Amino acid sequence: MDTPGRSVALLGLSLLCLGAQTPQPRVYVTDSQSWETSGGFAATSDAAVGQSSGGARPQTAEIIKTIGERCPLAMVTMNKDRADYILLLDHEGGKGSLQKDNKFVLFNKDGDAIGSGSTRNLGNAVKDACQILTADWNKNHRNQ
């Protein structure tokens, strides 16, 4: 049989557990407009042919997907004003696959850069940014 005292105790314990949960850090993701170009030129004694193509290759959707896979602590938000962190990631295009570079900078809520890096692989850039975010979040939000 349930008594009023037992119900109050269970409710108090439930509220205590909910209060002990640390909220997820919110991350706003942005990237610069990466450009990729390619082309070539060929000529014979009869004709010359050339081709070039290129344009912006935004990577924001890929970055957000990769954060979901490699940084489960973080919650991506489209509301920049509610973000605890801003992740700027530049995916350098226009080079051979072995020469591409992914540069990132992680900013805290105050706008201070708290970490940066460069990797050959987008997933590793996200992983490195996540390690910086996790360390900062644990240090500054452990008792909130």
C-alpha atoms as a PDB file:
ATOM      1  CA  MET A   1       0.000   0.000   0.000  1.00  0.00           C
ATOM      2  CA  ASP A   2       1.288   3.444  -0.938  1.00  0.00           C
ATOM      3  CA  THR A   3       1.516   5.969   1.862  1.00  0.00           C
ATOM      4  CA  PRO A   4       1.679   9.762   1.405  1.00  0.00           C
ATOM      5  CA  GLY A   5       5.126   9.832   3.073  1.00  0.00           C
ATOM      6  CA  ARG A   6       6.500   7.226   0.690  1.00  0.00           C
ATOM      7  CA  SER A   7       5.124   9.114  -2.349  1.00  0.00           C
ATOM      8  CA  VAL A   8       6.716  12.355  -1.161  1.00  0.00           C
ATOM      9  CA  ALA A   9      10.046  10.576  -0.615  1.00  0.00           C
ATOM     10  CA  LEU A  10       9.942   9.042  -4.106  1.00  0.00           C
ATOM     11  CA  LEU A  11       9.045  12.390  -5.643  1.00  0.00           C
ATOM     12  CA  GLY A  12      11.910  14.067  -3.776  1.00  0.00           C
ATOM     13  CA  LEU A  13      14.355  11.378  -4.900  1.00  0.00           C
ATOM     14  CA  SER A  14      13.158  11.738  -8.505  1.00  0.00           C
ATOM     15  CA  LEU A  15      13.613  15.500  -8.417  1.00  0.00           C
ATOM     16  CA  LEU A  16      17.069  15.099  -6.870  1.00  0.00           C
ATOM     17  CA  CYS A  17      18.090  12.730  -9.675  1.00  0.00           C
ATOM     18  CA  LEU A  18      16.750  15.119 -12.318  1.00  0.00           C
ATOM     19  CA  GLY A  19      18.586  18.031 -10.714  1.00  0.00           C
ATOM     20  CA  ALA A  20      21.842  16.063 -10.704  1.00  0.00           C
ATOM     21  CA  GLN A  21      21.798  15.581 -14.458  1.00  0.00           C
ATOM     22  CA  THR A  22      24.216  17.818 -16.281  1.00  0.00           C
ATOM     23  CA  PRO A  23      22.628  19.365 -19.357  1.00  0.00           C
ATOM     24  CA  GLN A  24      24.212  18.748 -22.728  1.00  0.00           C
ATOM     25  CA  PRO A  25      26.383  21.500 -24.157  1.00  0.00           C
ATOM     26  CA  ARG A  26      24.800  23.174 -27.160  1.00  0.00           C
ATOM     27  CA  VAL A  27      27.033  23.660 -30.185  1.00  0.00           C
ATOM     28  CA  TYR A  28      26.407  26.019 -33.083  1.00  0.00           C
ATOM     29  CA  VAL A  29      28.218  24.797 -36.202  1.00  0.00           C
ATOM     30  CA  THR A  30      29.442  27.023 -38.982  1.00  0.00           C
ATOM     31  CA  ASP A  31      31.932  26.724 -41.776  1.00  0.00           C
ATOM     32  CA  SER A  32      33.527  29.130 -44.182  1.00  0.00           C
ATOM     33  CA  GLN A  33      32.595  28.806 -47.796  1.00  0.00           C
ATOM     34  CA  SER A  34      35.096  26.222 -48.978  1.00  0.00           C
ATOM     35  CA  TRP A  35      35.897  26.413 -52.640  1.00  0.00           C
ATOM     36  CA  GLU A  36      36.954  23.593 -54.863  1.00  0.00           C
ATOM     37  CA  THR A  37      38.156  24.008 -58.408  1.00  0.00           C
ATOM     38  CA  SER A  38      39.284  21.553 -61.019  1.00  0.00           C
ATOM     39  CA  GLY A  39      40.145  21.728 -64.654  1.00  0.00           C
ATOM     40  CA  GLY A  40      42.500  20.857 -67.401  1.00  0.00           C
ATOM     41  CA  PHE A  41      43.758  21.834 -70.824  1.00  0.00           C
ATOM     42  CA  ALA A  42      44.812  19.764 -73.809  1.00  0.00           C
ATOM     43  CA  ALA A  43      45.994  20.732 -77.269  1.00  0.00           C
ATOM     44  CA  THR A  44      46.876  19.055 -80.510  1.00  0.00           C
ATOM     45  CA  SER A  45      48.043  20.566 -83.769  1.00  0.00           C
ATOM     46  CA  ASP A  46      44.395  20.807 -84.855  1.00  0.00           C
ATOM     47  CA  ALA A  47      42.590  22.023 -81.733  1.00  0.00           C
ATOM     48  CA  ALA A  48      42.841  23.075 -78.139  1.00  0.00           C
ATOM     49  CA  VAL A  49      40.325  22.142 -75.454  1.00  0.00           C
ATOM     50  CA  GLY A  50      40.072  23.363 -71.896  1.00  0.00           C
ATOM     51  CA  GLN A  51      37.662  22.846 -69.065  1.00  0.00           C
ATOM     52  CA  SER A  52      37.318  24.189 -65.591  1.00  0.00           C
ATOM     53  CA  SER A  53      34.694  23.858 -62.911  1.00  0.00           C
ATOM     54  CA  GLY A  54      34.309  24.795 -59.319  1.00  0.00           C
ATOM     55  CA  GLY A  55      32.263  26.424 -56.661  1.00  0.00           C
ATOM     56  CA  ALA A  56      31.375  26.460 -53.009  1.00  0.00           C
ATOM     57  CA  ARG A  57      31.307  23.148 -51.154  1.00  0.00           C
ATOM     58  CA  PRO A  58      29.592  23.876 -47.845  1.00  0.00           C
ATOM     59  CA  GLN A  59      30.173  21.095 -45.342  1.00  0.00           C
ATOM     60  CA  THR A  60      27.814  22.105 -42.514  1.00  0.00           C
ATOM     61  CA  ALA A  61      25.442  19.143 -42.881  1.00  0.00           C
ATOM     62  CA  GLU A  62      28.348  16.694 -42.994  1.00  0.00           C
ATOM     63  CA  ILE A  63      29.913  18.328 -39.920  1.00  0.00           C
ATOM     64  CA  ILE A  64      26.631  18.071 -37.981  1.00  0.00           C
ATOM     65  CA  LYS A  65      26.249  14.421 -38.952  1.00  0.00           C
ATOM     66  CA  THR A  66      29.811  13.725 -37.849  1.00  0.00           C
ATOM     67  CA  ILE A  67      29.268  15.494 -34.506  1.00  0.00           C
ATOM     68  CA  GLY A  68      26.329  13.150 -33.885  1.00  0.00           C
ATOM     69  CA  GLU A  69      28.589  10.178 -34.561  1.00  0.00           C
ATOM     70  CA  ARG A  70      31.774  11.305 -32.802  1.00  0.00           C
ATOM     71  CA  CYS A  71      30.616  13.666 -30.056  1.00  0.00           C
ATOM     72  CA  PRO A  72      27.543  12.231 -28.302  1.00  0.00           C
ATOM     73  CA  LEU A  73      27.866  14.711 -25.400  1.00  0.00           C
ATOM     74  CA  ALA A  74      27.099  17.669 -27.679  1.00  0.00           C
ATOM     75  CA  MET A  75      23.712  18.816 -28.923  1.00  0.00           C
ATOM     76  CA  VAL A  76      23.822  20.769 -32.179  1.00  0.00           C
ATOM     77  CA  THR A  77      21.632  23.872 -32.256  1.00  0.00           C
ATOM     78  CA  MET A  78      20.687  26.264 -35.030  1.00  0.00           C
ATOM     79  CA  ASN A  79      20.059  28.992 -32.434  1.00  0.00           C
ATOM     80  CA  LYS A  80      23.407  30.770 -32.124  1.00  0.00           C
ATOM     81  CA  ASP A  81      22.175  32.775 -29.104  1.00  0.00           C
ATOM     82  CA  ARG A  82      21.496  29.614 -27.086  1.00  0.00           C
ATOM     83  CA  ALA A  83      24.788  27.912 -27.961  1.00  0.00           C
ATOM     84  CA  ASP A  84      27.392  27.182 -25.294  1.00  0.00           C
ATOM     85  CA  TYR A  85      30.028  26.729 -27.999  1.00  0.00           C
ATOM     86  CA  ILE A  86      30.588  27.712 -31.612  1.00  0.00           C
ATOM     87  CA  LEU A  87      32.512  25.337 -33.833  1.00  0.00           C
ATOM     88  CA  LEU A  88      34.033  26.910 -36.936  1.00  0.00           C
ATOM     89  CA  LEU A  89      35.335  24.284 -39.304  1.00  0.00           C
ATOM     90  CA  ASP A  90      37.061  25.034 -42.590  1.00  0.00           C
ATOM     91  CA  HIS A  91      37.244  22.225 -45.098  1.00  0.00           C
ATOM     92  CA  GLU A  92      39.929  23.101 -47.600  1.00  0.00           C
ATOM     93  CA  GLY A  93      39.011  22.032 -51.102  1.00  0.00           C
ATOM     94  CA  GLY A  94      40.696  22.244 -54.456  1.00  0.00           C
ATOM     95  CA  LYS A  95      43.608  19.952 -53.656  1.00  0.00           C
ATOM     96  CA  GLY A  96      44.282  16.272 -54.064  1.00  0.00           C
ATOM     97  CA  SER A  97      42.644  14.056 -51.456  1.00  0.00           C
ATOM     98  CA  LEU A  98      45.910  13.600 -49.560  1.00  0.00           C
ATOM     99  CA  GLN A  99      46.500  17.350 -49.368  1.00  0.00           C
ATOM    100  CA  LYS A 100      43.098  18.482 -48.061  1.00  0.00           C
ATOM    101  CA  ASP A 101      43.105  20.006 -44.634  1.00  0.00           C
ATOM    102  CA  ASN A 102      40.344  20.489 -42.062  1.00  0.00           C
ATOM    103  CA  LYS A 103      40.979  23.365 -39.689  1.00  0.00           C
ATOM    104  CA  PHE A 104      38.766  24.032 -36.692  1.00  0.00           C
ATOM    105  CA  VAL A 105      38.393  26.585 -33.926  1.00  0.00           C
ATOM    106  CA  LEU A 106      36.148  26.080 -30.902  1.00  0.00           C
ATOM    107  CA  PHE A 107      34.816  29.185 -29.150  1.00  0.00           C
ATOM    108  CA  ASN A 108      33.116  29.302 -25.747  1.00  0.00           C
ATOM    109  CA  LYS A 109      29.953  31.270 -24.943  1.00  0.00           C
ATOM    110  CA  ASP A 110      32.036  34.393 -24.225  1.00  0.00           C
ATOM    111  CA  GLY A 111      33.509  34.274 -27.737  1.00  0.00           C
ATOM    112  CA  ASP A 112      36.952  33.173 -26.566  1.00  0.00           C
ATOM    113  CA  ALA A 113      38.823  30.626 -28.679  1.00  0.00           C
ATOM    114  CA  ILE A 114      39.453  27.666 -26.371  1.00  0.00           C
ATOM    115  CA  GLY A 115      41.035  25.332 -28.886  1.00  0.00           C
ATOM    116  CA  SER A 116      41.978  24.833 -32.485  1.00  0.00           C
ATOM    117  CA  GLY A 117      43.601  22.270 -34.701  1.00  0.00           C
ATOM    118  CA  SER A 118      44.112  20.875 -38.151  1.00  0.00           C
ATOM    119  CA  THR A 119      43.641  17.348 -39.485  1.00  0.00           C
ATOM    120  CA  ARG A 120      43.515  15.567 -42.833  1.00  0.00           C
ATOM    121  CA  ASN A 121      40.168  13.946 -42.003  1.00  0.00           C
ATOM    122  CA  LEU A 122      36.901  15.754 -41.188  1.00  0.00           C
ATOM    123  CA  GLY A 123      35.965  13.110 -38.615  1.00  0.00           C
ATOM    124  CA  ASN A 124      39.256  13.592 -36.770  1.00  0.00           C
ATOM    125  CA  ALA A 125      38.759  17.367 -36.727  1.00  0.00           C
ATOM    126  CA  VAL A 126      35.344  16.864 -35.113  1.00  0.00           C
ATOM    127  CA  LYS A 127      36.804  14.307 -32.676  1.00  0.00           C
ATOM    128  CA  ASP A 128      39.592  16.707 -31.646  1.00  0.00           C
ATOM    129  CA  ALA A 129      37.129  19.590 -31.213  1.00  0.00           C
ATOM    130  CA  CYS A 130      34.892  17.285 -29.146  1.00  0.00           C
ATOM    131  CA  GLN A 131      37.758  16.426 -26.793  1.00  0.00           C
ATOM    132  CA  ILE A 132      38.367  20.147 -26.179  1.00  0.00           C
ATOM    133  CA  LEU A 133      34.638  20.790 -25.700  1.00  0.00           C
ATOM    134  CA  THR A 134      34.241  17.854 -23.294  1.00  0.00           C
ATOM    135  CA  ALA A 135      37.218  18.907 -21.158  1.00  0.00           C
ATOM    136  CA  ASP A 136      35.964  22.502 -20.974  1.00  0.00           C
ATOM    137  CA  TRP A 137      32.372  21.461 -20.253  1.00  0.00           C
ATOM    138  CA  ASN A 138      33.431  19.076 -17.470  1.00  0.00           C
ATOM    139  CA  LYS A 139      35.718  21.698 -15.935  1.00  0.00           C
ATOM    140  CA  ASN A 140      33.216  24.569 -16.027  1.00  0.00           C
ATOM    141  CA  HIS A 141      29.818  22.888 -15.659  1.00  0.00           C
ATOM    142  CA  ARG A 142      30.425  19.931 -13.332  1.00  0.00           C
ATOM    143  CA  ASN A 143      28.599  21.456 -10.343  1.00  0.00           C
ATOM    144  CA  GLN A 144      25.735  23.196 -12.119  1.00  0.00           C
END
